[in-house]
Each structure stands twice: as structure tokens, then as C-alpha cells.
Amino acid sequence: MEKGKLIFVSGGVRSGKSSFAEEMAIEWGEQHALKLNYIACGVPSDREMYDRISRHQQNRSSAPLPWKTWEYPYELYRISSQFSKQDILVLDCVTTLVNNYLFEKNMVDPNEVIKCILRDIFSLQEAAAGLIVVSNEVNQEIPSQTTLTGKYQSILGNVHQNIVSQAGGAYLVENGIPIQKKGAVG
């Protein structure tokens, strides 16, 4: 089976990266008559997270095409059989996925976490017409000296590099402005 198109979108907190990814998916969906799917990894653990999830759901409900939302905190490969080459997927977000493997699944081996996340992402890419992967950019800062934070940054950096190496396009969103870092312009 031919792999679907893969796009990576990163940026800081509240940079506009999720909105950019959703707009890209809608445009793609309209151009190619694809069904929109949103894979949400966030687990509402507090009021702020619940409000953020609700806001994202509201934004998608007013889109020109309908979205189907899949709420999965980890093991995304398990739902890949639900998609076809008629689907465009937005995965939001890799940083939450790392958190979920580390803290919900209690995984301690960084290499195992990386392996699981890449299996999730590449199985989704294989199944769908396209996958837009969203992640927070936390590796532009000084590496942390604390064990847990340093481990997290290392995992995330490795995952990002693996995704981007396979992606046809990569964007960094700053202040709502997407900056193309990889892929043909136009």
C-alpha cells in the first residue's frame, strides 16, 4: 500500500499550529474530496485542559467540512484500520502523546517510547491519504539538567527528527504565521 502524504507542524504553546494544521486539512479535504479526521491525544486532567479541548471541538464544529474526532491517548496504531485513502488525518499532538506513554502507560525506556510513537504515526500515514502531525516545539531552549525534563526533550527531539525525515513538508508556526522549513513551495 502506498504511504499517504505526511506533513509536520510544530510551534510554541498557543502559536496557532493546530489552527494551521486544521486549515491545511480542510483545504486538502476540499481539493481532493477527503473526509476529515481529528485524532486527539489530550486527556482532560484539569479545567484548563478541558477548556482547551472544548475550544478545539467548537472550532472544528464550524468548519466548512465535517470532522470526525477520535480520542486516543496512545496506541494509535490500533485505529489505523479505520482509515482509508479517502481520509485526511490531523494528529494533535505529539507532545501529549509522549506524556501519555511516559505517565499513563508508565513507560521508562526512552527508546521504547520513541518506537511506540513512530509505530503510531507511520501506521496512520500508511492507512490514510494524508497525515498532518502537530507538536509543540520545546527543543529550542537550553537542554534541561533535570533527569525527567532532559529525558522528555531527548525523546521529543528524536521523534521530531524521525517524522521530519519522512515528511514531505514541515512547518514552524510562530505568532500564527507558518514558516515552511521543508518541502516544495507552491
Protein backbone atom coordinates (compact mmCIF):
# COMPACT_ATOMS: atom_id res chain seq x y z
CA MET A 1 0.00 0.00 0.00
CA GLU A 2 1.27 3.45 -0.87
CA LYS A 3 2.02 5.71 2.09
CA GLY A 4 -0.10 8.81 2.47
CA LYS A 5 1.37 12.27 2.45
CA LEU A 6 2.98 13.31 5.75
CA ILE A 7 3.22 16.91 6.98
CA PHE A 8 4.78 18.02 10.28
CA VAL A 9 3.64 21.22 12.03
CA SER A 10 5.33 22.48 15.19
CA GLY A 11 5.37 25.66 17.19
CA GLY A 12 5.26 27.02 20.68
CA VAL A 13 2.28 26.96 23.00
CA ARG A 14 -0.64 28.95 21.52
CA SER A 15 1.36 29.68 18.35
CA GLY A 16 -1.53 28.82 16.02
CA LYS A 17 -0.12 25.46 14.94
CA SER A 18 -3.34 23.49 15.48
CA SER A 19 -5.42 26.05 13.58
CA PHE A 20 -2.90 26.00 10.74
CA ALA A 21 -2.99 22.18 10.61
CA GLU A 22 -6.81 22.18 10.60
CA GLU A 23 -6.94 24.79 7.82
CA MET A 24 -4.46 22.75 5.79
CA ALA A 25 -6.57 19.61 6.27
CA ILE A 26 -9.77 21.42 5.26
CA GLU A 27 -8.13 22.76 2.11
CA TRP A 28 -6.77 19.32 1.30
CA GLY A 29 -10.18 17.77 2.01
CA GLU A 30 -11.99 20.24 -0.25
CA GLN A 31 -9.50 19.82 -3.10
CA HIS A 32 -9.49 16.02 -3.06
CA ALA A 33 -12.93 15.16 -1.58
CA LEU A 34 -11.41 13.64 1.55
CA LYS A 35 -13.04 13.01 4.90
CA LEU A 36 -11.57 14.99 7.82
CA ASN A 37 -10.45 13.14 10.94
CA TYR A 38 -9.01 14.67 14.08
CA ILE A 39 -7.02 12.37 16.37
CA ALA A 40 -6.91 13.99 19.79
CA CYS A 41 -4.37 12.66 22.28
CA GLY A 42 -5.23 15.08 25.08
CA VAL A 43 -6.68 13.75 28.30
CA PRO A 44 -8.70 16.36 30.22
CA SER A 45 -6.79 16.27 33.51
CA ASP A 46 -7.73 19.75 34.74
CA ARG A 47 -10.06 22.64 33.95
CA GLU A 48 -7.56 24.35 31.61
CA MET A 49 -7.14 21.19 29.53
CA TYR A 50 -10.91 20.60 29.46
CA ASP A 51 -11.43 24.20 28.24
CA ARG A 52 -8.74 23.81 25.56
CA ILE A 53 -10.31 20.58 24.29
CA SER A 54 -13.75 22.22 24.21
CA ARG A 55 -12.39 25.22 22.30
CA HIS A 56 -10.78 22.97 19.68
CA GLN A 57 -14.03 21.00 19.33
CA GLN A 58 -16.01 24.21 18.83
CA ASN A 59 -13.57 25.44 16.17
CA ARG A 60 -13.92 22.20 14.23
CA SER A 61 -17.72 22.21 14.50
CA SER A 62 -17.90 25.46 12.50
CA ALA A 63 -15.62 24.19 9.70
CA PRO A 64 -16.92 24.04 6.10
CA LEU A 65 -16.45 20.23 6.13
CA PRO A 66 -17.45 17.89 8.96
CA TRP A 67 -14.78 16.44 11.25
CA LYS A 68 -14.82 13.06 12.94
CA THR A 69 -12.93 13.15 16.23
CA TRP A 70 -11.02 10.17 17.58
CA GLU A 71 -9.93 10.48 21.21
CA TYR A 72 -6.97 8.19 21.79
CA PRO A 73 -4.23 8.93 24.32
CA TYR A 74 -1.79 6.28 22.96
CA GLU A 75 -1.54 3.12 20.83
CA LEU A 76 -2.88 4.99 17.81
CA TYR A 77 -1.81 2.17 15.52
CA ARG A 78 -4.90 0.30 16.81
CA ILE A 79 -7.23 2.67 14.94
CA SER A 80 -5.27 2.83 11.68
CA SER A 81 -7.53 0.17 10.12
CA GLN A 82 -10.44 2.61 10.49
CA PHE A 83 -8.98 4.88 7.79
CA SER A 84 -8.61 4.67 4.03
CA LYS A 85 -7.13 6.69 1.20
CA GLN A 86 -10.33 8.77 1.42
CA ASP A 87 -9.26 10.21 4.79
CA ILE A 88 -7.07 13.10 5.87
CA LEU A 89 -5.90 12.95 9.49
CA VAL A 90 -4.74 15.62 11.91
CA LEU A 91 -2.87 14.19 14.89
CA ASP A 92 -2.78 16.64 17.80
CA CYS A 93 -0.31 16.38 19.38
CA VAL A 94 2.98 14.52 19.68
CA THR A 95 4.00 16.20 22.94
CA THR A 96 0.80 14.95 24.57
CA LEU A 97 1.42 11.51 23.08
CA VAL A 98 4.90 11.46 24.68
CA ASN A 99 3.33 12.46 28.02
CA ASN A 100 0.74 9.72 27.75
CA TYR A 101 3.28 6.99 27.04
CA LEU A 102 5.53 8.18 29.86
CA PHE A 103 2.89 8.83 32.50
CA GLU A 104 -0.31 6.99 31.54
CA LYS A 105 1.46 3.85 30.28
CA ASN A 106 4.33 4.32 32.77
CA MET A 107 6.99 3.58 30.18
CA VAL A 108 10.55 4.28 31.32
CA ASP A 109 12.73 3.27 28.36
CA PRO A 110 13.10 6.29 26.04
CA ASN A 111 13.83 4.08 23.03
CA GLU A 112 10.63 2.13 23.63
CA VAL A 113 8.60 5.36 23.84
CA ILE A 114 10.13 6.57 20.56
CA LYS A 115 9.44 3.21 18.90
CA CYS A 116 5.78 3.25 20.02
CA ILE A 117 5.16 6.80 18.85
CA LEU A 118 6.76 6.22 15.45
CA ARG A 119 4.73 3.00 15.04
CA ASP A 120 1.58 5.02 15.77
CA ILE A 121 2.43 7.78 13.32
CA PHE A 122 3.67 5.66 10.45
CA SER A 123 0.73 3.22 10.70
CA LEU A 124 -1.66 6.18 10.40
CA GLN A 125 0.32 7.57 7.47
CA GLU A 126 0.18 4.18 5.75
CA ALA A 127 -3.61 3.95 6.11
CA ALA A 128 -4.73 7.45 5.10
CA ALA A 129 -4.37 9.77 2.11
CA GLY A 130 -2.53 12.18 4.34
CA LEU A 131 -1.47 12.80 7.91
CA ILE A 132 -0.72 16.19 9.45
CA VAL A 133 1.20 15.75 12.70
CA VAL A 134 1.13 18.62 15.21
CA SER A 135 3.66 19.02 18.01
CA ASN A 136 4.94 21.61 20.44
CA GLU A 137 8.43 22.94 19.94
CA VAL A 138 10.26 22.58 23.24
CA ASN A 139 13.72 21.80 21.92
CA GLN A 140 14.70 25.37 21.04
CA GLU A 141 15.53 26.00 24.65
CA ILE A 142 18.62 25.05 26.64
CA PRO A 143 18.57 21.31 27.37
CA SER A 144 17.31 20.65 30.86
CA GLN A 145 19.65 19.44 33.57
CA THR A 146 16.85 17.59 35.38
CA THR A 147 16.60 13.92 34.54
CA LEU A 148 12.90 13.79 33.66
CA THR A 149 12.80 17.00 31.62
CA GLY A 150 16.01 16.11 29.80
CA LYS A 151 14.62 12.66 29.01
CA TYR A 152 11.42 14.22 27.70
CA GLN A 153 13.33 16.69 25.49
CA SER A 154 15.50 13.90 24.14
CA ILE A 155 12.52 11.69 23.28
CA LEU A 156 10.67 14.54 21.64
CA GLY A 157 13.69 15.69 19.66
CA ASN A 158 14.29 12.17 18.35
CA VAL A 159 10.63 11.73 17.43
CA HIS A 160 10.53 15.10 15.64
CA GLN A 161 13.66 14.29 13.63
CA ASN A 162 12.28 10.89 12.60
CA ILE A 163 8.96 12.37 11.50
CA VAL A 164 10.54 15.25 9.58
CA SER A 165 12.95 12.89 7.81
CA GLN A 166 9.92 11.06 6.38
CA ALA A 167 7.68 14.09 5.88
CA GLY A 168 7.06 15.78 2.56
CA GLY A 169 6.65 19.10 4.35
CA ALA A 170 7.47 20.67 7.70
CA TYR A 171 6.27 23.97 9.15
CA LEU A 172 7.13 26.01 12.20
CA VAL A 173 4.27 28.27 13.28
CA GLU A 174 5.17 31.43 15.19
CA ASN A 175 2.57 34.03 16.19
CA GLY A 176 0.06 32.49 13.80
CA ILE A 177 2.48 32.66 10.85
CA PRO A 178 3.55 29.35 9.28
CA ILE A 179 7.17 29.20 8.17
CA GLN A 180 7.87 26.39 5.73
CA LYS A 181 11.03 24.52 6.77
CA LYS A 182 10.83 21.56 4.37
CA GLY A 183 9.04 20.79 1.11
CA ALA A 184 8.47 22.42 -2.22
CA VAL A 185 6.91 25.84 -2.15
CA GLY A 186 3.77 26.16 -4.26
